[in-house]
Each structure stands twice: as C-alpha cells, then as structure tokens.
Amino acid sequence: MKAGFNHSGSQRYKCGECQRAYTPEAKEKGYTKETRMLALRMYVEGNSQRSIARILKISPQSVSNWINTYVSKLPPAPVPQKPKVAELDELYTFLKRKKTKSTS
C-alpha cells in the first residue's frame, strides 16, 4: 500500500507483512549535471550568482556551492616571473619638466 512520498518526490510504499516503508524506483535527488554546467557557464559570462539563481529557479547558495567546488578542482594559476626589463611612461618626465606654468 502507498505510504506517501520521500524528499525527492518518489512514491513510497509500505509492506503489508513487516510494515517497512520502501521506494522501488527512487528519483535522483538534486540538480542535473547540465543545470550545474549551465550555471557555471552563466557565471563565467558575467552573470551574478543571484541572477543565475533567479533565471534557473534554484537557490543562490546552490550556485555558490557549485562555483566553489569547480574552482577548488582547478589547477593553481601559474605565477609570472619577474620582468628583467621594465618600460616607463614618458608622460611623467614631460609633466615634471614642463616649461610653462599652468594658469589655474
């Protein structure tokens, strides 16, 4: 006989002999991998976490968790070496030695 639904929305049944509740075909709990990857792509494109949550109708905390999980799996960013030659802008020296004074 039927015994309600579990948290993922699957039908639960109760055994008539031992009175144990069970779910023969449980639905997978959570969001699909496609939804997660879509949220990550939207974030990379510049959408905010809250706008992604509104568009996909999911929790903003879920979006934040997916981003943090994805970032933690990325390899560390390479550290650039110190430059041997640096170029300076000529504008600084021009303004410092300007021949005419400003009238203001």
N, C-alpha and C. Protein backbone atom coordinates (compact mmCIF):
# COMPACT_ATOMS: atom_id res chain seq x y z
N MET A 1 0.83 -1.17 0.00
CA MET A 1 0.00 0.00 0.00
C MET A 1 0.89 1.25 0.00
N LYS A 2 0.34 2.37 -0.47
CA LYS A 2 1.10 3.60 -0.59
C LYS A 2 1.35 4.20 0.79
N ALA A 3 2.54 4.86 0.90
CA ALA A 3 2.91 5.46 2.18
C ALA A 3 3.52 6.84 1.99
N GLY A 4 2.96 7.63 1.09
CA GLY A 4 3.44 9.00 0.89
C GLY A 4 4.58 9.10 -0.10
N PHE A 5 5.32 10.19 0.00
CA PHE A 5 6.43 10.48 -0.91
C PHE A 5 7.68 10.77 -0.09
N ASN A 6 8.86 10.47 -0.67
CA ASN A 6 10.10 10.84 0.00
C ASN A 6 10.51 12.25 -0.42
N HIS A 7 11.67 12.74 0.03
CA HIS A 7 12.07 14.12 -0.19
C HIS A 7 12.29 14.45 -1.66
N SER A 8 12.70 13.47 -2.46
CA SER A 8 12.93 13.74 -3.88
C SER A 8 11.65 13.64 -4.70
N GLY A 9 10.54 13.27 -4.09
CA GLY A 9 9.27 13.22 -4.79
C GLY A 9 8.86 11.84 -5.27
N SER A 10 9.61 10.81 -4.91
CA SER A 10 9.28 9.45 -5.33
C SER A 10 8.19 8.85 -4.43
N GLN A 11 7.37 8.02 -5.02
CA GLN A 11 6.31 7.35 -4.27
C GLN A 11 6.91 6.33 -3.32
N ARG A 12 6.45 6.32 -2.05
CA ARG A 12 6.87 5.32 -1.07
C ARG A 12 5.75 4.32 -0.88
N TYR A 13 6.12 3.10 -0.55
CA TYR A 13 5.15 2.03 -0.29
C TYR A 13 5.46 1.41 1.06
N LYS A 14 4.44 0.75 1.64
CA LYS A 14 4.60 0.09 2.93
C LYS A 14 4.26 -1.39 2.75
N CYS A 15 5.15 -2.25 3.25
CA CYS A 15 4.93 -3.68 3.17
C CYS A 15 3.78 -4.06 4.11
N GLY A 16 2.86 -4.89 3.62
CA GLY A 16 1.71 -5.29 4.42
C GLY A 16 2.08 -6.26 5.54
N GLU A 17 3.17 -7.03 5.38
CA GLU A 17 3.56 -8.01 6.38
C GLU A 17 4.46 -7.42 7.47
N CYS A 18 5.57 -6.78 7.03
CA CYS A 18 6.55 -6.31 8.02
C CYS A 18 6.41 -4.82 8.33
N GLN A 19 5.52 -4.12 7.65
CA GLN A 19 5.24 -2.70 7.87
C GLN A 19 6.45 -1.78 7.59
N ARG A 20 7.39 -2.26 6.78
CA ARG A 20 8.53 -1.41 6.43
C ARG A 20 8.21 -0.58 5.21
N ALA A 21 8.67 0.66 5.21
CA ALA A 21 8.47 1.55 4.06
C ALA A 21 9.66 1.41 3.11
N TYR A 22 9.38 1.45 1.81
CA TYR A 22 10.44 1.34 0.81
C TYR A 22 10.05 2.13 -0.44
N THR A 23 11.04 2.40 -1.26
CA THR A 23 10.84 3.10 -2.53
C THR A 23 11.46 2.25 -3.63
N PRO A 24 10.65 1.66 -4.49
CA PRO A 24 11.20 0.77 -5.52
C PRO A 24 12.01 1.50 -6.59
N GLU A 25 11.57 2.66 -7.05
CA GLU A 25 12.27 3.41 -8.09
C GLU A 25 12.48 4.84 -7.60
N ALA A 26 13.55 5.06 -6.85
CA ALA A 26 13.80 6.38 -6.28
C ALA A 26 14.34 7.32 -7.35
N LYS A 27 13.86 8.57 -7.31
CA LYS A 27 14.37 9.60 -8.20
C LYS A 27 15.69 10.11 -7.64
N GLU A 28 16.55 10.54 -8.54
CA GLU A 28 17.82 11.09 -8.08
C GLU A 28 17.56 12.45 -7.45
N LYS A 29 18.16 12.66 -6.28
CA LYS A 29 17.97 13.91 -5.57
C LYS A 29 18.97 14.94 -6.08
N GLY A 30 18.55 16.15 -6.23
CA GLY A 30 19.44 17.22 -6.65
C GLY A 30 19.21 17.64 -8.08
N TYR A 31 20.14 18.47 -8.60
CA TYR A 31 20.03 19.02 -9.93
C TYR A 31 20.90 18.22 -10.91
N THR A 32 20.54 18.28 -12.17
CA THR A 32 21.28 17.53 -13.18
C THR A 32 22.63 18.19 -13.44
N LYS A 33 23.53 17.43 -14.05
CA LYS A 33 24.85 17.95 -14.38
C LYS A 33 24.74 19.07 -15.41
N GLU A 34 23.74 18.98 -16.31
CA GLU A 34 23.55 20.02 -17.31
C GLU A 34 23.17 21.35 -16.66
N THR A 35 22.33 21.30 -15.63
CA THR A 35 21.93 22.51 -14.92
C THR A 35 23.13 23.13 -14.22
N ARG A 36 23.97 22.31 -13.63
CA ARG A 36 25.16 22.81 -12.93
C ARG A 36 26.13 23.47 -13.91
N MET A 37 26.36 22.82 -15.05
CA MET A 37 27.29 23.36 -16.03
C MET A 37 26.73 24.65 -16.67
N LEU A 38 25.42 24.71 -16.85
CA LEU A 38 24.79 25.93 -17.37
C LEU A 38 25.00 27.09 -16.40
N ALA A 39 24.84 26.82 -15.11
CA ALA A 39 25.06 27.85 -14.10
C ALA A 39 26.51 28.33 -14.11
N LEU A 40 27.45 27.40 -14.25
CA LEU A 40 28.86 27.78 -14.29
C LEU A 40 29.17 28.61 -15.54
N ARG A 41 28.61 28.21 -16.68
CA ARG A 41 28.84 28.97 -17.91
C ARG A 41 28.26 30.38 -17.80
N MET A 42 27.09 30.50 -17.18
CA MET A 42 26.47 31.80 -17.00
C MET A 42 27.34 32.68 -16.08
N TYR A 43 27.93 32.08 -15.06
CA TYR A 43 28.79 32.82 -14.14
C TYR A 43 30.05 33.32 -14.86
N VAL A 44 30.63 32.46 -15.68
CA VAL A 44 31.83 32.85 -16.43
C VAL A 44 31.51 33.97 -17.42
N GLU A 45 30.31 33.98 -17.97
CA GLU A 45 29.89 35.01 -18.91
C GLU A 45 29.61 36.35 -18.23
N GLY A 46 29.56 36.36 -16.90
CA GLY A 46 29.41 37.63 -16.19
C GLY A 46 28.12 37.81 -15.42
N ASN A 47 27.24 36.81 -15.42
CA ASN A 47 26.01 36.93 -14.63
C ASN A 47 26.33 36.79 -13.15
N SER A 48 25.57 37.48 -12.32
CA SER A 48 25.76 37.36 -10.88
C SER A 48 25.14 36.04 -10.40
N GLN A 49 25.56 35.64 -9.22
CA GLN A 49 25.04 34.38 -8.66
C GLN A 49 23.54 34.48 -8.41
N ARG A 50 23.07 35.63 -7.96
CA ARG A 50 21.64 35.78 -7.69
C ARG A 50 20.82 35.78 -8.98
N SER A 51 21.35 36.40 -10.04
CA SER A 51 20.61 36.40 -11.30
C SER A 51 20.55 34.99 -11.88
N ILE A 52 21.62 34.23 -11.74
CA ILE A 52 21.62 32.83 -12.20
C ILE A 52 20.56 32.04 -11.44
N ALA A 53 20.50 32.25 -10.14
CA ALA A 53 19.52 31.54 -9.31
C ALA A 53 18.10 31.91 -9.72
N ARG A 54 17.85 33.20 -10.01
CA ARG A 54 16.51 33.61 -10.44
C ARG A 54 16.14 33.00 -11.78
N ILE A 55 17.07 33.02 -12.73
CA ILE A 55 16.80 32.52 -14.07
C ILE A 55 16.53 31.03 -14.06
N LEU A 56 17.38 30.27 -13.34
CA LEU A 56 17.24 28.81 -13.31
C LEU A 56 16.27 28.31 -12.24
N LYS A 57 15.74 29.24 -11.43
CA LYS A 57 14.80 28.90 -10.34
C LYS A 57 15.41 27.90 -9.36
N ILE A 58 16.62 28.24 -8.88
CA ILE A 58 17.32 27.43 -7.89
C ILE A 58 17.81 28.34 -6.78
N SER A 59 18.36 27.76 -5.75
CA SER A 59 18.85 28.52 -4.61
C SER A 59 20.17 29.22 -4.95
N PRO A 60 20.36 30.48 -4.54
CA PRO A 60 21.64 31.15 -4.76
C PRO A 60 22.79 30.43 -4.05
N GLN A 61 22.49 29.81 -2.93
CA GLN A 61 23.53 29.07 -2.21
C GLN A 61 24.01 27.87 -3.02
N SER A 62 23.10 27.23 -3.76
CA SER A 62 23.50 26.11 -4.62
C SER A 62 24.47 26.58 -5.69
N VAL A 63 24.16 27.73 -6.30
CA VAL A 63 25.05 28.28 -7.33
C VAL A 63 26.42 28.57 -6.73
N SER A 64 26.45 29.17 -5.55
CA SER A 64 27.70 29.48 -4.88
C SER A 64 28.49 28.20 -4.58
N ASN A 65 27.81 27.17 -4.10
CA ASN A 65 28.49 25.90 -3.81
C ASN A 65 29.07 25.26 -5.06
N TRP A 66 28.33 25.31 -6.17
CA TRP A 66 28.82 24.72 -7.42
C TRP A 66 30.06 25.46 -7.91
N ILE A 67 30.04 26.78 -7.80
CA ILE A 67 31.20 27.58 -8.25
C ILE A 67 32.41 27.28 -7.38
N ASN A 68 32.22 27.25 -6.06
CA ASN A 68 33.35 26.96 -5.16
C ASN A 68 33.91 25.57 -5.39
N THR A 69 33.06 24.59 -5.64
CA THR A 69 33.52 23.23 -5.89
C THR A 69 34.32 23.18 -7.18
N TYR A 70 33.83 23.85 -8.21
CA TYR A 70 34.51 23.85 -9.51
C TYR A 70 35.87 24.55 -9.41
N VAL A 71 35.92 25.68 -8.70
CA VAL A 71 37.16 26.43 -8.56
C VAL A 71 38.19 25.64 -7.76
N SER A 72 37.75 24.90 -6.76
CA SER A 72 38.70 24.13 -5.94
C SER A 72 39.35 23.00 -6.74
N LYS A 73 38.71 22.55 -7.83
CA LYS A 73 39.27 21.48 -8.65
C LYS A 73 40.22 21.99 -9.73
N LEU A 74 40.27 23.31 -9.94
CA LEU A 74 41.14 23.88 -10.96
C LEU A 74 42.60 23.82 -10.50
N PRO A 75 43.54 23.67 -11.45
CA PRO A 75 44.95 23.70 -11.06
C PRO A 75 45.34 25.12 -10.64
N PRO A 76 46.37 25.25 -9.82
CA PRO A 76 46.77 26.60 -9.40
C PRO A 76 47.25 27.42 -10.59
N ALA A 77 46.98 28.71 -10.53
CA ALA A 77 47.38 29.62 -11.62
C ALA A 77 48.90 29.78 -11.62
N PRO A 78 49.52 29.82 -12.80
CA PRO A 78 50.97 29.99 -12.84
C PRO A 78 51.37 31.40 -12.37
N VAL A 79 52.45 31.47 -11.63
CA VAL A 79 52.94 32.74 -11.12
C VAL A 79 53.91 33.32 -12.15
N PRO A 80 53.67 34.56 -12.61
CA PRO A 80 54.57 35.13 -13.61
C PRO A 80 55.94 35.43 -13.03
N GLN A 81 56.95 35.30 -13.88
CA GLN A 81 58.31 35.60 -13.44
C GLN A 81 58.50 37.11 -13.38
N LYS A 82 59.48 37.54 -12.61
CA LYS A 82 59.76 38.97 -12.51
C LYS A 82 60.35 39.45 -13.84
N PRO A 83 59.90 40.59 -14.33
CA PRO A 83 60.43 41.08 -15.60
C PRO A 83 61.88 41.55 -15.45
N LYS A 84 62.68 41.33 -16.50
CA LYS A 84 64.07 41.77 -16.48
C LYS A 84 64.18 43.23 -16.94
N VAL A 85 63.27 43.63 -17.84
CA VAL A 85 63.29 44.99 -18.37
C VAL A 85 61.90 45.59 -18.15
N ALA A 86 61.88 46.81 -17.63
CA ALA A 86 60.60 47.50 -17.43
C ALA A 86 60.62 48.79 -18.23
N GLU A 87 59.52 49.10 -18.87
CA GLU A 87 59.40 50.34 -19.63
C GLU A 87 58.61 51.35 -18.81
N LEU A 88 59.13 52.57 -18.77
CA LEU A 88 58.44 53.63 -18.04
C LEU A 88 57.74 54.55 -19.01
N ASP A 89 56.72 55.18 -18.55
CA ASP A 89 55.97 56.10 -19.39
C ASP A 89 56.70 57.44 -19.47
N GLU A 90 56.71 58.03 -20.64
CA GLU A 90 57.39 59.31 -20.83
C GLU A 90 56.56 60.48 -20.31
N LEU A 91 55.29 60.27 -20.07
CA LEU A 91 54.42 61.36 -19.65
C LEU A 91 54.84 61.94 -18.30
N TYR A 92 55.31 61.13 -17.40
CA TYR A 92 55.73 61.59 -16.08
C TYR A 92 56.87 62.58 -16.19
N THR A 93 57.86 62.22 -16.97
CA THR A 93 59.01 63.13 -17.10
C THR A 93 58.62 64.40 -17.83
N PHE A 94 57.69 64.31 -18.78
CA PHE A 94 57.24 65.50 -19.51
C PHE A 94 56.52 66.46 -18.57
N LEU A 95 55.64 65.97 -17.74
CA LEU A 95 54.90 66.83 -16.83
C LEU A 95 55.79 67.41 -15.75
N LYS A 96 56.77 66.67 -15.33
CA LYS A 96 57.65 67.14 -14.26
C LYS A 96 58.51 68.30 -14.75
N ARG A 97 58.88 68.30 -16.03
CA ARG A 97 59.77 69.35 -16.55
C ARG A 97 59.04 70.28 -17.52
N LYS A 98 57.81 70.50 -17.30
CA LYS A 98 57.03 71.35 -18.17
C LYS A 98 57.56 72.79 -18.09
N LYS A 99 57.77 73.42 -19.26
CA LYS A 99 58.39 74.76 -19.28
C LYS A 99 57.42 75.87 -18.88
N THR A 100 56.15 75.76 -19.29
CA THR A 100 55.18 76.80 -18.95
C THR A 100 54.36 76.39 -17.74
N LYS A 101 54.06 77.34 -16.92
CA LYS A 101 53.26 77.07 -15.72
C LYS A 101 51.78 77.10 -16.08
N SER A 102 51.00 76.36 -15.33
CA SER A 102 49.55 76.36 -15.53
C SER A 102 48.96 77.67 -15.03
N THR A 103 47.94 78.17 -15.73
CA THR A 103 47.34 79.47 -15.35
C THR A 103 46.27 79.31 -14.27
N SER A 104 45.88 78.13 -13.93
CA SER A 104 44.81 77.98 -12.96
C SER A 104 45.28 77.89 -11.55
